[in-house]
C-alpha atoms as a PDB file:
ATOM      1  CA  MET A   1       0.282 -16.778 -14.473  1.00  0.00           C
ATOM      2  CA  PHE A   2      -2.353 -14.216 -15.204  1.00  0.00           C
ATOM      3  CA  ALA A   3      -1.604 -11.798 -18.020  1.00  0.00           C
ATOM      4  CA  ARG A   4      -1.071  -8.265 -16.846  1.00  0.00           C
ATOM      5  CA  PRO A   5      -4.630  -6.840 -18.085  1.00  0.00           C
ATOM      6  CA  THR A   6      -6.180  -9.978 -16.278  1.00  0.00           C
ATOM      7  CA  ALA A   7      -4.489  -9.508 -13.222  1.00  0.00           C
ATOM      8  CA  LEU A   8      -5.472  -5.789 -13.300  1.00  0.00           C
ATOM      9  CA  VAL A   9      -9.257  -6.387 -14.044  1.00  0.00           C
ATOM     10  CA  LEU A  10      -9.222  -9.154 -11.340  1.00  0.00           C
ATOM     11  CA  LEU A  11      -7.673  -6.238  -8.935  1.00  0.00           C
ATOM     12  CA  ALA A  12     -10.037  -4.042  -9.906  1.00  0.00           C
ATOM     13  CA  LEU A  13     -12.980  -6.330  -8.817  1.00  0.00           C
ATOM     14  CA  LEU A  14     -11.473  -7.624  -5.347  1.00  0.00           C
ATOM     15  CA  PRO A  15     -13.332  -5.008  -3.569  1.00  0.00           C
ATOM     16  CA  VAL A  16     -16.441  -6.109  -5.019  1.00  0.00           C
ATOM     17  CA  ALA A  17     -15.624  -9.710  -4.626  1.00  0.00           C
ATOM     18  CA  CYS A  18     -14.107  -9.945  -1.371  1.00  0.00           C
ATOM     19  CA  GLY A  19     -15.812  -6.695   0.211  1.00  0.00           C
ATOM     20  CA  SER A  20     -13.771  -4.166   1.586  1.00  0.00           C
ATOM     21  CA  PRO A  21     -14.175  -3.794   5.166  1.00  0.00           C
ATOM     22  CA  LYS A  22     -15.964  -0.562   6.008  1.00  0.00           C
ATOM     23  CA  ILE A  23     -14.353   1.657   8.613  1.00  0.00           C
ATOM     24  CA  ASP A  24     -16.792   4.336  10.023  1.00  0.00           C
ATOM     25  CA  VAL A  25     -14.025   6.789  11.210  1.00  0.00           C
ATOM     26  CA  PRO A  26     -13.110  10.073   9.100  1.00  0.00           C
ATOM     27  CA  VAL A  27      -9.890   9.334   7.251  1.00  0.00           C
ATOM     28  CA  ALA A  28      -8.529  12.212   9.553  1.00  0.00           C
ATOM     29  CA  GLU A  29      -8.972  10.031  12.585  1.00  0.00           C
ATOM     30  CA  GLN A  30      -8.030   6.544  11.188  1.00  0.00           C
ATOM     31  CA  THR A  31      -4.772   4.935  12.563  1.00  0.00           C
ATOM     32  CA  GLY A  32      -2.151   3.622  10.158  1.00  0.00           C
ATOM     33  CA  ALA A  33      -3.512   0.255  10.311  1.00  0.00           C
ATOM     34  CA  GLN A  34      -6.958   1.207   9.447  1.00  0.00           C
ATOM     35  CA  LEU A  35      -5.853   3.599   6.778  1.00  0.00           C
ATOM     36  CA  PHE A  36      -3.957   0.439   5.512  1.00  0.00           C
ATOM     37  CA  ILE A  37      -7.512  -1.440   5.190  1.00  0.00           C
ATOM     38  CA  SER A  38      -9.723   1.320   4.211  1.00  0.00           C
ATOM     39  CA  GLN A  39      -7.402   2.806   1.172  1.00  0.00           C
ATOM     40  CA  GLY A  40      -7.115  -0.874  -0.143  1.00  0.00           C
ATOM     41  CA  CYS A  41      -3.326  -1.715   0.503  1.00  0.00           C
ATOM     42  CA  VAL A  42      -4.543  -4.956   1.789  1.00  0.00           C
ATOM     43  CA  GLN A  43      -5.990  -5.753  -1.464  1.00  0.00           C
ATOM     44  CA  CYS A  44      -2.484  -5.998  -2.820  1.00  0.00           C
ATOM     45  CA  HIS A  45      -0.186  -6.141   0.139  1.00  0.00           C
ATOM     46  CA  ALA A  46      -2.190  -8.511   2.310  1.00  0.00           C
ATOM     47  CA  LYS A  47      -3.101  -7.378   5.930  1.00  0.00           C
ATOM     48  CA  ASP A  48       0.067  -8.905   7.344  1.00  0.00           C
ATOM     49  CA  GLY A  49       2.081  -7.459   4.313  1.00  0.00           C
ATOM     50  CA  SER A  50       2.952 -10.976   2.611  1.00  0.00           C
ATOM     51  CA  GLY A  51       1.848  -9.967  -1.060  1.00  0.00           C
ATOM     52  CA  SER A  52      -1.502 -10.708  -2.502  1.00  0.00           C
ATOM     53  CA  PHE A  53      -2.209 -14.483  -3.856  1.00  0.00           C
ATOM     54  CA  LEU A  54      -1.883 -12.746  -7.201  1.00  0.00           C
ATOM     55  CA  GLY A  55       1.439 -11.443  -6.946  1.00  0.00           C
ATOM     56  CA  LEU A  56       0.092  -7.656  -7.429  1.00  0.00           C
ATOM     57  CA  GLY A  57       1.467  -6.218  -4.685  1.00  0.00           C
ATOM     58  CA  PRO A  58       5.168  -7.319  -3.305  1.00  0.00           C
ATOM     59  CA  ASP A  59       5.690  -8.531   0.314  1.00  0.00           C
ATOM     60  CA  LEU A  60       6.401  -5.769   2.587  1.00  0.00           C
ATOM     61  CA  ARG A  61       7.989  -7.670   5.301  1.00  0.00           C
ATOM     62  CA  ASP A  62      11.616  -7.438   6.105  1.00  0.00           C
ATOM     63  CA  LYS A  63      12.128  -3.908   4.030  1.00  0.00           C
ATOM     64  CA  GLY A  64      12.410  -1.785   6.786  1.00  0.00           C
ATOM     65  CA  ALA A  65      15.880  -1.006   6.442  1.00  0.00           C
ATOM     66  CA  PHE A  66      15.205   0.714   3.276  1.00  0.00           C
ATOM     67  CA  TRP A  67      12.482   3.196   4.683  1.00  0.00           C
ATOM     68  CA  ASP A  68      11.433   5.513   7.179  1.00  0.00           C
ATOM     69  CA  ALA A  69       7.988   6.728   7.611  1.00  0.00           C
ATOM     70  CA  GLY A  70       8.632  10.089   5.516  1.00  0.00           C
ATOM     71  CA  SER A  71      10.006   8.230   2.836  1.00  0.00           C
ATOM     72  CA  LEU A  72       7.385   6.075   2.639  1.00  0.00           C
ATOM     73  CA  ALA A  73       4.665   9.323   2.774  1.00  0.00           C
ATOM     74  CA  GLU A  74       6.817  10.617  -0.014  1.00  0.00           C
ATOM     75  CA  TYR A  75       6.489   7.559  -2.100  1.00  0.00           C
ATOM     76  CA  LEU A  76       2.580   7.212  -1.487  1.00  0.00           C
ATOM     77  CA  LEU A  77       2.236  10.653  -2.670  1.00  0.00           C
ATOM     78  CA  ASP A  78       3.645   9.786  -6.389  1.00  0.00           C
ATOM     79  CA  PRO A  79       5.272   6.151  -6.628  1.00  0.00           C
ATOM     80  CA  ALA A  80       6.333   6.398 -10.171  1.00  0.00           C
ATOM     81  CA  ALA A  81       8.102  10.031  -9.443  1.00  0.00           C
ATOM     82  CA  PHE A  82       9.756   8.654  -6.484  1.00  0.00           C
ATOM     83  CA  ALA A  83      10.997   5.229  -7.863  1.00  0.00           C
ATOM     84  CA  ALA A  84      12.121   7.066 -10.973  1.00  0.00           C
ATOM     85  CA  LYS A  85      14.580   8.859  -8.551  1.00  0.00           C
ATOM     86  CA  THR A  86      15.816   5.196  -6.933  1.00  0.00           C
ATOM     87  CA  GLU A  87      17.389   2.426  -8.639  1.00  0.00           C
ATOM     88  CA  ARG A  88      16.080  -0.181  -6.599  1.00  0.00           C
ATOM     89  CA  LEU A  89      12.224   0.371  -6.763  1.00  0.00           C
ATOM     90  CA  GLY A  90       9.950  -0.130  -9.883  1.00  0.00           C
ATOM     91  CA  ALA A  91       6.664   1.630  -9.091  1.00  0.00           C
ATOM     92  CA  LYS A  92       4.596  -0.989 -11.233  1.00  0.00           C
ATOM     93  CA  GLU A  93       1.091  -0.100 -11.173  1.00  0.00           C
ATOM     94  CA  MET A  94       1.555   1.004  -7.342  1.00  0.00           C
ATOM     95  CA  PRO A  95      -1.490   3.873  -7.464  1.00  0.00           C
ATOM     96  CA  ALA A  96      -0.683   7.255  -6.032  1.00  0.00           C
ATOM     97  CA  TYR A  97      -2.556   8.243  -2.710  1.00  0.00           C
ATOM     98  CA  ASP A  98      -2.317  12.138  -3.430  1.00  0.00           C
ATOM     99  CA  MET A  99      -5.887  12.182  -2.358  1.00  0.00           C
ATOM    100  CA  LEU A 100      -4.693  11.824   1.274  1.00  0.00           C
ATOM    101  CA  ASP A 101      -2.799  14.596   3.093  1.00  0.00           C
ATOM    102  CA  LEU A 102       0.943  14.163   4.825  1.00  0.00           C
ATOM    103  CA  ALA A 103      -0.562  13.377   8.020  1.00  0.00           C
ATOM    104  CA  ALA A 104      -2.474  10.238   6.801  1.00  0.00           C
ATOM    105  CA  ARG A 105       0.224   9.129   4.679  1.00  0.00           C
ATOM    106  CA  THR A 106       2.512   9.304   7.175  1.00  0.00           C
ATOM    107  CA  ARG A 107       0.213   7.248   9.367  1.00  0.00           C
ATOM    108  CA  ILE A 108       0.078   4.703   6.787  1.00  0.00           C
ATOM    109  CA  GLY A 109       4.038   4.864   6.654  1.00  0.00           C
ATOM    110  CA  GLU A 110       4.550   4.257  10.329  1.00  0.00           C
ATOM    111  CA  HIS A 111       1.881   1.189  10.216  1.00  0.00           C
ATOM    112  CA  VAL A 112       3.954  -0.266   7.242  1.00  0.00           C
ATOM    113  CA  LEU A 113       7.214   0.258   8.893  1.00  0.00           C
ATOM    114  CA  THR A 114       5.805  -2.264  11.575  1.00  0.00           C
ATOM    115  CA  ILE A 115       5.015  -4.649   9.195  1.00  0.00           C
ATOM    116  CA  MET A 116       8.493  -4.364   7.393  1.00  0.00           C
ATOM    117  CA  ASN A 117      10.280  -4.662  10.978  1.00  0.00           C
ATOM    118  CA  GLY A 118       8.238  -7.484  11.985  1.00  0.00           C
ATOM    119  CA  ASN A 119       6.166  -5.931  14.902  1.00  0.00           C
END
């Protein structure tokens, strides 16, 4: 198993090595699925939400009972602060998506809910 610093370096290199898909749509017009790709969520959680091969992002499937789109949008704003209020969560190295507005974070949340609920 990789040591945490090594895994983080590999994570940083993934966009270069694998090539992040380019989405030629402004963030404000992207769907939740497009944002999930363009914001790099797929690099840790995989497109289907199953988690990364390095174990960097948890499997998102079957976790829908704990979330709604609003709570996911709040979590994405500041994962560490959200996790500090929620005993069952650990923020680990989940980045904050404070550069996205509430509407974009909510669209990501809605997309993640479709993954979590197996749709």
